[in-house]
Amino acid sequence: MSSENRIIASFSVPPEHSDRRLDQAVAELMPEHSRSRLQGWIKSGALTVNGKACKPRDKVMLGDRLELDAEPEAQVSWQAESISLDIVYEDEHLLVINKPAGLVVHPAAGHADGTLVNALLNHAPEVENLPRAGIVHRLDKDTSGIMVVARSLIAHTSLVDQLQTRTMGREYEAIVVGTLTGGSTVDAPIGRHPRERKKMAVVPTGKPAVTHYRLVERFAAHTHVRCKLESGRTHQIRVHMAHVKHPLVGDPQYGGRLRLPKGTTEELRDVLAGFQRQALHARQLTLEHPQTGETMTWEVPLPEDMETLLAALRKHVKDMEHHDF
């Protein structure tokens, strides 16, 4: 229950939470707030028990009155900027957008403005009260496609939970180097590259990561695949496909040098050499609506640059059929 600019709530401790630690009881009673945020409110005295400030470890008893009166601290100090967004769906809890390649999601060193967050603060100013301005998952700067952003605390908690429990479904399309004979699964842990700190790599000490891929279309020396993630590691699809020796076309970090297959026409060479980003697009997103619990799915078409690349690869196959290289 939030008034315009304060977060107000009051509860009477029910039987099932009697004799529990205060921080555990409030985490169950107010799941829309993160545990760290609740701990902060207990320690600051914004959350009281029978009108008194308590410690997180103090026990609560049946019928104790828990009251919260807190100010939603603005979590961000970034500037709102008028940057147009391709909005696929929005309501008071969710914003689903189709991110273009080249747009950075989060302000960071070297990208203090011109990011998706700056655009969000302009379109939905209320996100400034949410952790990371409502961003719960990211797409790399040069990956295009569908992304969900939380617009409320309820949505933020729910989406984080869905990502952690892997109930949020995400499907990607990629164009990789080399001809694959069939779909498969890459199950290989990902962590920081031992020498190049900006890169990720398959390393024994990494976090578990699983990518399933299946074939969409095969070309002379490239393959169009669809990928599903079971985990969401940084650069996961890019690292996993490079690991199985089929890096993404155009990937500046994991693709290695441009390899042109035998019989490549000048036309295809120009398209491949001119494709300067990883050929990766987040195509589909499925999640449970944080308020209604309804399963919702959205899909966004491939961007023009990937369609152009696919058309050039198809044409090359046709040209090869008509010429004997």
Protein backbone atom coordinates (compact mmCIF):
# COMPACT_ATOMS: atom_id res chain seq x y z
CA MET A 1 0.00 0.00 0.00
CA SER A 2 1.80 3.13 -1.16
CA SER A 3 0.58 6.66 -0.81
CA GLU A 4 1.86 9.03 -3.49
CA ASN A 5 5.30 9.51 -2.01
CA ARG A 6 5.54 7.22 0.98
CA ILE A 7 5.43 3.46 1.40
CA ILE A 8 2.87 2.77 4.14
CA ALA A 9 1.91 -0.68 5.42
CA SER A 10 0.65 -2.25 8.65
CA PHE A 11 0.20 -5.87 9.66
CA SER A 12 -0.80 -7.88 12.66
CA VAL A 13 1.53 -10.90 13.03
CA PRO A 14 -0.50 -14.02 12.06
CA PRO A 15 -0.13 -17.38 13.90
CA GLU A 16 2.19 -18.91 11.29
CA HIS A 17 4.76 -16.12 11.82
CA SER A 18 4.64 -16.06 15.60
CA ASP A 19 8.04 -16.63 17.26
CA ARG A 20 9.94 -15.87 14.06
CA ARG A 21 12.69 -13.34 13.53
CA LEU A 22 11.38 -9.93 12.56
CA ASP A 23 13.33 -9.82 9.27
CA GLN A 24 12.04 -13.28 8.27
CA ALA A 25 8.44 -12.45 9.14
CA VAL A 26 8.38 -9.17 7.19
CA ALA A 27 10.07 -10.83 4.18
CA GLU A 28 7.08 -13.23 4.05
CA LEU A 29 4.50 -10.53 4.73
CA MET A 30 5.93 -8.04 2.25
CA PRO A 31 7.49 -10.11 -0.55
CA GLU A 32 7.32 -7.20 -3.00
CA HIS A 33 10.29 -5.58 -1.23
CA SER A 34 13.82 -6.95 -1.33
CA ARG A 35 15.25 -8.37 1.91
CA SER A 36 18.04 -5.81 1.95
CA ARG A 37 15.53 -2.98 1.63
CA LEU A 38 13.42 -4.42 4.50
CA GLN A 39 16.55 -4.81 6.67
CA GLY A 40 17.39 -1.18 6.02
CA TRP A 41 13.92 -0.07 7.10
CA ILE A 42 14.11 -2.16 10.30
CA LYS A 43 17.53 -0.69 11.18
CA SER A 44 16.46 2.88 10.43
CA GLY A 45 13.30 2.55 12.54
CA ALA A 46 10.97 3.09 9.56
CA LEU A 47 9.54 -0.35 10.33
CA THR A 48 8.37 -0.68 13.94
CA VAL A 49 6.93 -3.42 16.17
CA ASN A 50 4.16 -2.16 18.48
CA GLY A 51 5.44 1.36 17.87
CA LYS A 52 9.05 0.58 18.86
CA ALA A 53 12.19 0.20 16.77
CA CYS A 54 13.61 -3.34 16.86
CA LYS A 55 16.56 -5.29 15.51
CA PRO A 56 16.21 -7.63 12.51
CA ARG A 57 16.91 -10.70 14.70
CA ASP A 58 14.33 -9.82 17.38
CA LYS A 59 11.43 -12.29 17.64
CA VAL A 60 7.86 -11.25 16.87
CA MET A 61 4.81 -12.76 18.56
CA LEU A 62 1.21 -13.42 17.55
CA GLY A 63 -0.75 -10.16 17.30
CA ASP A 64 2.31 -7.87 17.31
CA ARG A 65 1.61 -4.77 15.23
CA LEU A 66 4.10 -4.16 12.43
CA GLU A 67 4.01 -0.71 10.89
CA LEU A 68 5.98 0.69 8.00
CA ASP A 69 6.22 4.32 7.02
CA ALA A 70 9.12 4.79 4.65
CA GLU A 71 10.18 7.17 1.98
CA PRO A 72 11.00 5.48 -1.32
CA GLU A 73 14.59 6.62 -1.73
CA ALA A 74 15.33 7.48 -5.33
CA GLN A 75 17.74 4.73 -6.31
CA VAL A 76 19.28 6.58 -9.21
CA SER A 77 20.80 9.95 -9.95
CA TRP A 78 20.80 9.67 -13.73
CA GLN A 79 19.19 12.20 -16.03
CA ALA A 80 15.95 11.69 -17.92
CA GLU A 81 16.52 12.07 -21.66
CA SER A 82 14.06 12.24 -24.50
CA ILE A 83 15.12 9.11 -26.40
CA SER A 84 12.42 7.32 -28.40
CA LEU A 85 11.53 3.79 -27.30
CA ASP A 86 9.97 1.02 -29.38
CA ILE A 87 7.32 -0.06 -26.86
CA VAL A 88 5.80 -3.50 -27.42
CA TYR A 89 3.55 -3.51 -24.33
CA GLU A 90 3.02 -1.41 -21.22
CA ASP A 91 0.80 -1.21 -18.18
CA GLU A 92 1.31 0.16 -14.66
CA HIS A 93 3.65 -2.73 -13.73
CA LEU A 94 5.52 -3.64 -16.91
CA LEU A 95 7.22 -2.05 -19.85
CA VAL A 96 8.23 -4.39 -22.67
CA ILE A 97 10.49 -2.83 -25.28
CA ASN A 98 12.24 -3.78 -28.50
CA LYS A 99 15.80 -2.55 -27.97
CA PRO A 100 17.76 -1.53 -31.05
CA ALA A 101 21.37 -2.64 -31.52
CA GLY A 102 23.74 0.10 -30.33
CA LEU A 103 21.68 1.19 -27.32
CA VAL A 104 23.45 0.69 -23.97
CA VAL A 105 21.05 -0.52 -21.26
CA HIS A 106 22.68 0.93 -18.14
CA PRO A 107 24.77 4.06 -17.51
CA ALA A 108 28.38 3.14 -16.74
CA ALA A 109 31.87 4.52 -17.22
CA GLY A 110 32.06 5.68 -20.80
CA HIS A 111 28.27 5.69 -21.20
CA ALA A 112 26.92 8.15 -18.66
CA ASP A 113 23.99 9.14 -20.85
CA GLY A 114 22.15 8.16 -24.01
CA THR A 115 21.22 4.81 -22.42
CA LEU A 116 17.98 2.90 -22.05
CA VAL A 117 17.82 3.98 -18.39
CA ASN A 118 17.94 7.65 -19.41
CA ALA A 119 15.08 6.99 -21.84
CA LEU A 120 13.08 5.13 -19.16
CA LEU A 121 13.39 7.98 -16.65
CA ASN A 122 11.84 10.23 -19.27
CA HIS A 123 9.05 7.83 -20.28
CA ALA A 124 8.24 6.42 -16.81
CA PRO A 125 9.72 8.73 -14.13
CA GLU A 126 8.48 6.42 -11.33
CA VAL A 127 11.28 3.93 -12.11
CA GLU A 128 13.73 6.20 -10.27
CA ASN A 129 12.37 4.70 -7.03
CA LEU A 130 13.25 1.17 -8.11
CA PRO A 131 16.58 -0.64 -7.84
CA ARG A 132 18.56 -0.12 -11.07
CA ALA A 133 15.65 1.97 -12.39
CA GLY A 134 13.56 -1.17 -12.97
CA ILE A 135 16.17 -3.01 -15.08
CA VAL A 136 16.03 -6.69 -14.09
CA HIS A 137 17.92 -8.23 -17.03
CA ARG A 138 20.09 -6.78 -19.75
CA LEU A 139 20.90 -7.16 -23.38
CA ASP A 140 24.43 -6.35 -24.56
CA LYS A 141 24.80 -2.98 -26.26
CA ASP A 142 24.87 -4.54 -29.74
CA THR A 143 22.26 -7.23 -29.15
CA SER A 144 18.81 -6.21 -30.37
CA GLY A 145 15.41 -7.38 -29.22
CA ILE A 146 12.86 -7.80 -26.50
CA MET A 147 13.38 -6.76 -22.88
CA VAL A 148 11.11 -6.27 -19.89
CA VAL A 149 11.46 -3.46 -17.36
CA ALA A 150 9.68 -3.24 -13.99
CA ARG A 151 7.56 -0.15 -13.34
CA SER A 152 6.49 -1.03 -9.78
CA LEU A 153 8.00 -2.65 -6.67
CA ILE A 154 5.61 -5.60 -7.04
CA ALA A 155 6.81 -6.15 -10.61
CA HIS A 156 10.47 -5.73 -9.66
CA THR A 157 10.27 -8.42 -6.97
CA SER A 158 8.26 -10.76 -9.20
CA LEU A 159 10.51 -10.41 -12.27
CA VAL A 160 13.71 -10.89 -10.24
CA ASP A 161 12.15 -14.03 -8.77
CA GLN A 162 11.09 -15.33 -12.20
CA LEU A 163 14.61 -14.80 -13.52
CA GLN A 164 16.18 -16.55 -10.54
CA THR A 165 13.80 -19.52 -10.67
CA ARG A 166 14.19 -19.62 -14.48
CA THR A 167 10.44 -19.42 -15.10
CA MET A 168 10.94 -16.48 -17.46
CA GLY A 169 11.39 -17.82 -20.99
CA ARG A 170 13.69 -16.07 -23.45
CA GLU A 171 14.36 -17.12 -27.01
CA TYR A 172 17.05 -15.65 -29.24
CA GLU A 173 17.94 -15.87 -32.92
CA ALA A 174 21.56 -15.90 -34.05
CA ILE A 175 23.53 -16.35 -37.23
CA VAL A 176 26.70 -18.35 -36.65
CA VAL A 177 29.83 -19.12 -38.65
CA GLY A 178 30.01 -22.67 -40.01
CA THR A 179 27.42 -25.23 -41.03
CA LEU A 180 25.71 -27.05 -38.18
CA THR A 181 24.19 -30.45 -38.80
CA GLY A 182 21.61 -30.33 -36.02
CA GLY A 183 20.56 -28.70 -32.77
CA SER A 184 22.31 -29.40 -29.49
CA THR A 185 22.90 -28.17 -25.95
CA VAL A 186 26.00 -26.43 -24.63
CA ASP A 187 26.45 -27.05 -20.91
CA ALA A 188 29.63 -25.24 -19.87
CA PRO A 189 30.32 -22.92 -16.91
CA ILE A 190 31.00 -19.25 -17.69
CA GLY A 191 33.16 -16.82 -15.73
CA ARG A 192 35.58 -13.94 -16.29
CA HIS A 193 38.28 -14.59 -18.87
CA PRO A 194 41.50 -15.35 -16.92
CA ARG A 195 43.51 -12.70 -18.79
CA GLU A 196 41.14 -10.34 -20.60
CA ARG A 197 38.94 -8.85 -17.88
CA LYS A 198 36.31 -7.44 -20.24
CA LYS A 199 35.65 -10.84 -21.73
CA MET A 200 33.84 -13.87 -20.42
CA ALA A 201 34.97 -17.43 -21.08
CA VAL A 202 34.17 -21.07 -20.42
CA VAL A 203 36.16 -21.71 -17.24
CA PRO A 204 35.97 -24.57 -14.70
CA THR A 205 35.37 -22.13 -11.84
CA GLY A 206 32.55 -20.31 -13.70
CA LYS A 207 28.85 -20.29 -12.92
CA PRO A 208 26.70 -23.04 -14.45
CA ALA A 209 25.37 -22.06 -17.89
CA VAL A 210 23.20 -24.01 -20.33
CA THR A 211 22.26 -22.96 -23.88
CA HIS A 212 19.97 -25.02 -26.14
CA TYR A 213 20.08 -24.29 -29.85
CA ARG A 214 18.19 -25.60 -32.86
CA LEU A 215 18.53 -25.05 -36.58
CA VAL A 216 16.32 -22.63 -38.46
CA GLU A 217 18.14 -22.50 -41.80
CA ARG A 218 21.46 -23.72 -43.18
CA PHE A 219 23.59 -21.88 -45.72
CA ALA A 220 26.83 -22.60 -47.56
CA ALA A 221 29.06 -21.79 -44.60
CA HIS A 222 26.74 -20.24 -42.01
CA THR A 223 23.72 -21.33 -39.97
CA HIS A 224 20.68 -19.47 -38.63
CA VAL A 225 19.87 -20.86 -35.16
CA ARG A 226 17.34 -20.29 -32.40
CA CYS A 227 18.69 -20.37 -28.83
CA LYS A 228 17.00 -20.87 -25.48
CA LEU A 229 18.75 -20.08 -22.22
CA GLU A 230 18.46 -21.99 -19.00
CA SER A 231 20.63 -19.41 -17.25
CA GLY A 232 21.43 -15.80 -17.93
CA ARG A 233 25.18 -15.34 -17.80
CA THR A 234 26.91 -12.32 -19.31
CA HIS A 235 27.54 -12.87 -23.06
CA GLN A 236 26.26 -16.45 -22.65
CA ILE A 237 25.19 -17.26 -26.23
CA ARG A 238 28.23 -15.49 -27.69
CA VAL A 239 30.65 -17.39 -25.43
CA HIS A 240 28.93 -20.77 -25.80
CA MET A 241 28.69 -20.68 -29.60
CA ALA A 242 32.34 -19.59 -29.88
CA HIS A 243 33.22 -22.42 -27.47
CA VAL A 244 31.72 -25.00 -29.86
CA LYS A 245 33.63 -23.34 -32.75
CA HIS A 246 30.60 -21.61 -34.25
CA PRO A 247 30.99 -17.96 -33.19
CA LEU A 248 28.33 -15.41 -34.05
CA VAL A 249 28.75 -13.51 -37.30
CA GLY A 250 30.16 -10.04 -36.64
CA ASP A 251 30.99 -10.66 -32.97
CA PRO A 252 33.83 -8.21 -32.23
CA GLN A 253 34.90 -9.95 -29.00
CA TYR A 254 34.41 -13.65 -29.59
CA GLY A 255 34.22 -14.00 -33.37
CA GLY A 256 37.87 -14.03 -34.31
CA ARG A 257 38.88 -12.64 -37.68
CA LEU A 258 36.42 -12.58 -40.57
CA ARG A 259 36.44 -15.97 -42.28
CA LEU A 260 35.12 -16.03 -45.82
CA PRO A 261 34.09 -19.41 -47.22
CA LYS A 262 35.37 -20.68 -50.55
CA GLY A 263 33.29 -19.31 -53.39
CA THR A 264 32.12 -16.23 -51.47
CA THR A 265 30.83 -13.67 -53.92
CA GLU A 266 31.92 -10.05 -53.64
CA GLU A 267 28.32 -9.20 -52.75
CA LEU A 268 28.29 -11.58 -49.75
CA ARG A 269 31.81 -10.53 -48.74
CA ASP A 270 30.63 -6.91 -48.50
CA VAL A 271 27.60 -7.85 -46.38
CA LEU A 272 29.66 -10.04 -44.00
CA ALA A 273 32.48 -7.50 -43.67
CA GLY A 274 29.94 -4.73 -43.10
CA PHE A 275 28.09 -6.61 -40.34
CA GLN A 276 29.81 -4.98 -37.38
CA ARG A 277 27.85 -6.36 -34.41
CA GLN A 278 27.14 -9.85 -33.09
CA ALA A 279 24.24 -11.28 -35.13
CA LEU A 280 22.05 -11.85 -32.07
CA HIS A 281 18.43 -10.85 -31.48
CA ALA A 282 16.18 -11.51 -28.49
CA ARG A 283 13.05 -12.64 -30.33
CA GLN A 284 10.61 -13.84 -27.71
CA LEU A 285 9.85 -13.30 -24.04
CA THR A 286 7.41 -15.25 -21.85
CA LEU A 287 6.61 -14.37 -18.25
CA GLU A 288 3.92 -14.35 -15.61
CA HIS A 289 2.26 -11.01 -15.09
CA PRO A 290 3.32 -9.82 -11.60
CA GLN A 291 -0.21 -8.82 -10.61
CA THR A 292 -2.58 -11.14 -12.50
CA GLY A 293 -0.35 -14.24 -12.71
CA GLU A 294 -1.37 -14.56 -16.36
CA THR A 295 1.25 -16.06 -18.72
CA MET A 296 2.13 -13.50 -21.36
CA THR A 297 4.30 -13.88 -24.47
CA TRP A 298 5.64 -11.25 -26.82
CA GLU A 299 7.64 -11.60 -30.01
CA VAL A 300 9.53 -9.01 -32.05
CA PRO A 301 10.65 -9.50 -35.66
CA LEU A 302 14.28 -9.67 -36.72
CA PRO A 303 15.86 -6.26 -37.28
CA GLU A 304 16.61 -5.09 -40.80
CA ASP A 305 20.37 -5.73 -40.63
CA MET A 306 19.86 -9.43 -39.78
CA GLU A 307 17.16 -9.81 -42.45
CA THR A 308 19.58 -8.29 -45.00
CA LEU A 309 22.31 -10.70 -43.89
CA LEU A 310 19.97 -13.72 -44.21
CA ALA A 311 18.85 -12.56 -47.67
CA ALA A 312 22.50 -12.29 -48.79
CA LEU A 313 23.28 -15.79 -47.42
CA ARG A 314 20.21 -17.26 -49.20
CA LYS A 315 21.17 -15.55 -52.47
CA HIS A 316 24.69 -16.93 -52.18
CA VAL A 317 23.33 -20.49 -51.86
CA LYS A 318 21.20 -19.95 -55.00
CA ASP A 319 24.16 -18.44 -56.88
CA MET A 320 26.28 -21.48 -55.96
CA GLU A 321 23.64 -23.83 -57.30
CA HIS A 322 23.84 -22.06 -60.66
CA HIS A 323 27.65 -21.96 -60.78
CA ASP A 324 30.02 -24.81 -60.28
CA PHE A 325 32.73 -23.39 -58.03
